[in-house]
C-alpha atoms as a PDB file:
ATOM      1  CA  UNK A   1      10.837  46.396   4.759  1.00  0.00           C
ATOM      2  CA  UNK A   2      13.418  45.727   1.875  1.00  0.00           C
ATOM      3  CA  UNK A   3      13.658  42.188   0.359  1.00  0.00           C
ATOM      4  CA  UNK A   4      16.865  40.049   0.752  1.00  0.00           C
ATOM      5  CA  UNK A   5      18.864  39.667  -2.626  1.00  0.00           C
ATOM      6  CA  UNK A   6      19.701  36.497  -3.455  1.00  0.00           C
ATOM      7  CA  UNK A   7      22.638  35.880  -4.189  1.00  0.00           C
ATOM      8  CA  UNK A   8      24.018  32.764  -6.403  1.00  0.00           C
ATOM      9  CA  UNK A   9      25.703  30.892  -3.563  1.00  0.00           C
ATOM     10  CA  UNK A  10      21.582  30.919  -2.272  1.00  0.00           C
ATOM     11  CA  UNK A  11      20.626  29.606  -5.041  1.00  0.00           C
ATOM     12  CA  UNK A  12      23.261  26.336  -5.646  1.00  0.00           C
ATOM     13  CA  UNK A  13      22.308  25.902  -1.564  1.00  0.00           C
ATOM     14  CA  UNK A  14      18.043  25.558  -2.310  1.00  0.00           C
ATOM     15  CA  UNK A  15      19.005  23.741  -5.095  1.00  0.00           C
ATOM     16  CA  UNK A  16      22.074  21.172  -3.420  1.00  0.00           C
ATOM     17  CA  UNK A  17      18.779  21.254  -0.825  1.00  0.00           C
ATOM     18  CA  UNK A  18      16.161  19.888  -3.703  1.00  0.00           C
ATOM     19  CA  UNK A  19      18.484  17.253  -4.427  1.00  0.00           C
ATOM     20  CA  UNK A  20      18.936  16.341  -1.290  1.00  0.00           C
ATOM     21  CA  UNK A  21      15.484  15.682  -0.378  1.00  0.00           C
ATOM     22  CA  UNK A  22      14.954  13.897  -3.727  1.00  0.00           C
ATOM     23  CA  UNK A  23      17.695  11.634  -3.053  1.00  0.00           C
ATOM     24  CA  UNK A  24      16.447  10.909   0.149  1.00  0.00           C
ATOM     25  CA  UNK A  25      12.460  10.282  -0.788  1.00  0.00           C
ATOM     26  CA  UNK A  26      14.018   8.010  -3.228  1.00  0.00           C
ATOM     27  CA  UNK A  27      15.880   6.384  -0.754  1.00  0.00           C
ATOM     28  CA  UNK A  28      12.982   6.009   1.680  1.00  0.00           C
ATOM     29  CA  UNK A  29      10.637   4.735  -1.848  1.00  0.00           C
ATOM     30  CA  UNK A  30      13.340   1.981  -2.631  1.00  0.00           C
ATOM     31  CA  UNK A  31      12.913   0.620   1.361  1.00  0.00           C
ATOM     32  CA  UNK A  32       8.874   0.908   0.939  1.00  0.00           C
ATOM     33  CA  UNK A  33       9.423  -0.798  -2.654  1.00  0.00           C
ATOM     34  CA  UNK A  34      11.720  -3.618  -1.422  1.00  0.00           C
ATOM     35  CA  UNK A  35       9.540  -4.420   1.564  1.00  0.00           C
ATOM     36  CA  UNK A  36       6.637  -4.761  -0.796  1.00  0.00           C
ATOM     37  CA  UNK A  37       8.700  -6.943  -3.330  1.00  0.00           C
ATOM     38  CA  UNK A  38       9.772  -9.313  -0.508  1.00  0.00           C
ATOM     39  CA  UNK A  39       6.335  -9.347   0.827  1.00  0.00           C
ATOM     40  CA  UNK A  40       4.948 -10.285  -2.799  1.00  0.00           C
ATOM     41  CA  UNK A  41       7.435 -13.413  -3.215  1.00  0.00           C
ATOM     42  CA  UNK A  42       6.183 -14.376   0.852  1.00  0.00           C
ATOM     43  CA  UNK A  43       2.860 -14.140  -0.436  1.00  0.00           C
ATOM     44  CA  UNK A  44       3.333 -16.003  -3.789  1.00  0.00           C
ATOM     45  CA  UNK A  45       5.419 -19.005  -1.769  1.00  0.00           C
ATOM     46  CA  UNK A  46       1.909 -19.027   0.556  1.00  0.00           C
ATOM     47  CA  UNK A  47      -0.108 -19.429  -2.668  1.00  0.00           C
ATOM     48  CA  UNK A  48       2.416 -22.376  -4.026  1.00  0.00           C
ATOM     49  CA  UNK A  49       1.913 -24.220  -0.449  1.00  0.00           C
ATOM     50  CA  UNK A  50       0.242 -27.190  -0.778  1.00  0.00           C
ATOM     51  CA  UNK A  51      -0.848 -27.470   2.561  1.00  0.00           C
ATOM     52  CA  UNK A  52      -2.742 -23.628   1.989  1.00  0.00           C
ATOM     53  CA  UNK A  53      -3.980 -24.809  -0.871  1.00  0.00           C
ATOM     54  CA  UNK A  54      -5.458 -27.872   0.719  1.00  0.00           C
ATOM     55  CA  UNK A  55      -6.518 -26.311   4.302  1.00  0.00           C
ATOM     56  CA  UNK A  56      -8.283 -23.495   1.449  1.00  0.00           C
ATOM     57  CA  UNK A  57      -9.873 -26.361  -0.494  1.00  0.00           C
ATOM     58  CA  UNK A  58     -10.788 -28.379   3.031  1.00  0.00           C
ATOM     59  CA  UNK A  59     -12.020 -25.455   4.513  1.00  0.00           C
ATOM     60  CA  UNK A  60     -14.210 -24.353   1.226  1.00  0.00           C
ATOM     61  CA  UNK A  61     -15.273 -27.588   1.071  1.00  0.00           C
ATOM     62  CA  UNK A  62     -16.845 -28.346   5.110  1.00  0.00           C
ATOM     63  CA  UNK A  63     -18.020 -25.372   4.522  1.00  0.00           C
ATOM     64  CA  UNK A  64     -20.451 -26.228   1.595  1.00  0.00           C
ATOM     65  CA  UNK A  65     -21.203 -29.269   2.988  1.00  0.00           C
ATOM     66  CA  UNK A  66     -22.346 -27.801   6.503  1.00  0.00           C
ATOM     67  CA  UNK A  67     -24.468 -25.171   4.054  1.00  0.00           C
ATOM     68  CA  UNK A  68     -25.572 -28.055   2.210  1.00  0.00           C
ATOM     69  CA  UNK A  69     -26.531 -29.091   5.176  1.00  0.00           C
ATOM     70  CA  UNK A  70     -28.858 -26.936   6.996  1.00  0.00           C
ATOM     71  CA  UNK A  71     -32.018 -26.801   8.331  1.00  0.00           C
ATOM     72  CA  UNK A  72     -34.548 -24.823   5.418  1.00  0.00           C
ATOM     73  CA  UNK A  73     -35.631 -22.259   8.570  1.00  0.00           C
ATOM     74  CA  UNK A  74     -31.622 -22.054  10.053  1.00  0.00           C
ATOM     75  CA  UNK A  75     -31.204 -19.173   7.817  1.00  0.00           C
ATOM     76  CA  UNK A  76     -28.786 -17.400  10.103  1.00  0.00           C
ATOM     77  CA  UNK A  77     -26.684 -20.376   9.775  1.00  0.00           C
ATOM     78  CA  UNK A  78     -26.603 -20.586   6.591  1.00  0.00           C
ATOM     79  CA  UNK A  79     -25.808 -16.683   6.372  1.00  0.00           C
ATOM     80  CA  UNK A  80     -22.470 -17.391   8.460  1.00  0.00           C
ATOM     81  CA  UNK A  81     -22.070 -20.148   6.230  1.00  0.00           C
ATOM     82  CA  UNK A  82     -21.608 -18.341   3.547  1.00  0.00           C
ATOM     83  CA  UNK A  83     -19.835 -15.126   4.508  1.00  0.00           C
ATOM     84  CA  UNK A  84     -17.219 -18.461   5.446  1.00  0.00           C
ATOM     85  CA  UNK A  85     -17.369 -19.692   2.157  1.00  0.00           C
ATOM     86  CA  UNK A  86     -15.987 -15.968   0.693  1.00  0.00           C
ATOM     87  CA  UNK A  87     -13.917 -15.110   3.195  1.00  0.00           C
ATOM     88  CA  UNK A  88     -11.861 -18.011   1.889  1.00  0.00           C
ATOM     89  CA  UNK A  89     -11.894 -16.744  -1.257  1.00  0.00           C
ATOM     90  CA  UNK A  90     -11.051 -12.887  -0.107  1.00  0.00           C
ATOM     91  CA  UNK A  91      -8.306 -14.969   2.180  1.00  0.00           C
ATOM     92  CA  UNK A  92      -6.517 -15.993  -1.430  1.00  0.00           C
ATOM     93  CA  UNK A  93      -7.585 -12.844  -3.713  1.00  0.00           C
ATOM     94  CA  UNK A  94      -5.747 -10.766  -1.063  1.00  0.00           C
ATOM     95  CA  UNK A  95      -2.699 -12.957  -1.386  1.00  0.00           C
ATOM     96  CA  UNK A  96      -2.987 -12.632  -4.956  1.00  0.00           C
ATOM     97  CA  UNK A  97      -2.537  -8.854  -4.789  1.00  0.00           C
ATOM     98  CA  UNK A  98      -0.188  -8.844  -2.665  1.00  0.00           C
ATOM     99  CA  UNK A  99       1.805 -10.458  -4.932  1.00  0.00           C
ATOM    100  CA  UNK A 100       0.736  -8.506  -8.167  1.00  0.00           C
ATOM    101  CA  UNK A 101       1.926  -5.743  -5.782  1.00  0.00           C
ATOM    102  CA  UNK A 102       4.790  -7.252  -5.247  1.00  0.00           C
ATOM    103  CA  UNK A 103       6.081  -7.624  -8.743  1.00  0.00           C
ATOM    104  CA  UNK A 104       4.786  -4.368  -9.857  1.00  0.00           C
ATOM    105  CA  UNK A 105       7.516  -2.880  -6.807  1.00  0.00           C
ATOM    106  CA  UNK A 106      10.279  -5.348  -8.494  1.00  0.00           C
ATOM    107  CA  UNK A 107       9.620  -3.825 -11.703  1.00  0.00           C
ATOM    108  CA  UNK A 108      10.216   0.025 -10.164  1.00  0.00           C
ATOM    109  CA  UNK A 109      13.216  -1.069  -8.248  1.00  0.00           C
ATOM    110  CA  UNK A 110      14.540  -2.266 -11.488  1.00  0.00           C
ATOM    111  CA  UNK A 111      13.350   0.334 -13.802  1.00  0.00           C
ATOM    112  CA  UNK A 112      15.091   2.960 -10.566  1.00  0.00           C
ATOM    113  CA  UNK A 113      18.801   0.557 -10.862  1.00  0.00           C
ATOM    114  CA  UNK A 114      18.286   1.293 -14.640  1.00  0.00           C
ATOM    115  CA  UNK A 115      18.149   5.035 -14.366  1.00  0.00           C
ATOM    116  CA  UNK A 116      20.577   5.223 -11.485  1.00  0.00           C
ATOM    117  CA  UNK A 117      23.498   3.272 -13.847  1.00  0.00           C
ATOM    118  CA  UNK A 118      22.123   5.327 -17.035  1.00  0.00           C
ATOM    119  CA  UNK A 119      22.941   8.115 -14.626  1.00  0.00           C
ATOM    120  CA  UNK A 120      26.325   7.388 -13.008  1.00  0.00           C
ATOM    121  CA  UNK A 121      27.011   5.989 -16.805  1.00  0.00           C
ATOM    122  CA  UNK A 122      27.146   9.607 -18.137  1.00  0.00           C
ATOM    123  CA  UNK A 123      27.852  11.374 -15.388  1.00  0.00           C
ATOM    124  CA  UNK A 124      24.461  13.421 -14.854  1.00  0.00           C
ATOM    125  CA  UNK A 125      24.446  12.620 -11.154  1.00  0.00           C
END
């Protein structure tokens, strides 16, 4: 069995296909980055919300008060309240993480836009 020789035309087609795949991947990445950036903005709006901040503060205060008021032998209630207090903090931490990821996504999008502009300006597309 002999191998079919690869022509210059075949190489050009293969290179073009690779470029098309890269563009498609970039569009998918860009869409994903846009989604992450949008989520980050929305999470920041939640963290800036006075109502949500009040809810977190009230929940923590109520849980701590109930935790301190448990009977000495009510271990199960104290453990549940301890978990509830920690969950409020975890929700806050999760929102902060989404904000940080959104900021990173915005920076990446900005870098992609600058790179695309440089390529367009210098005719490297």
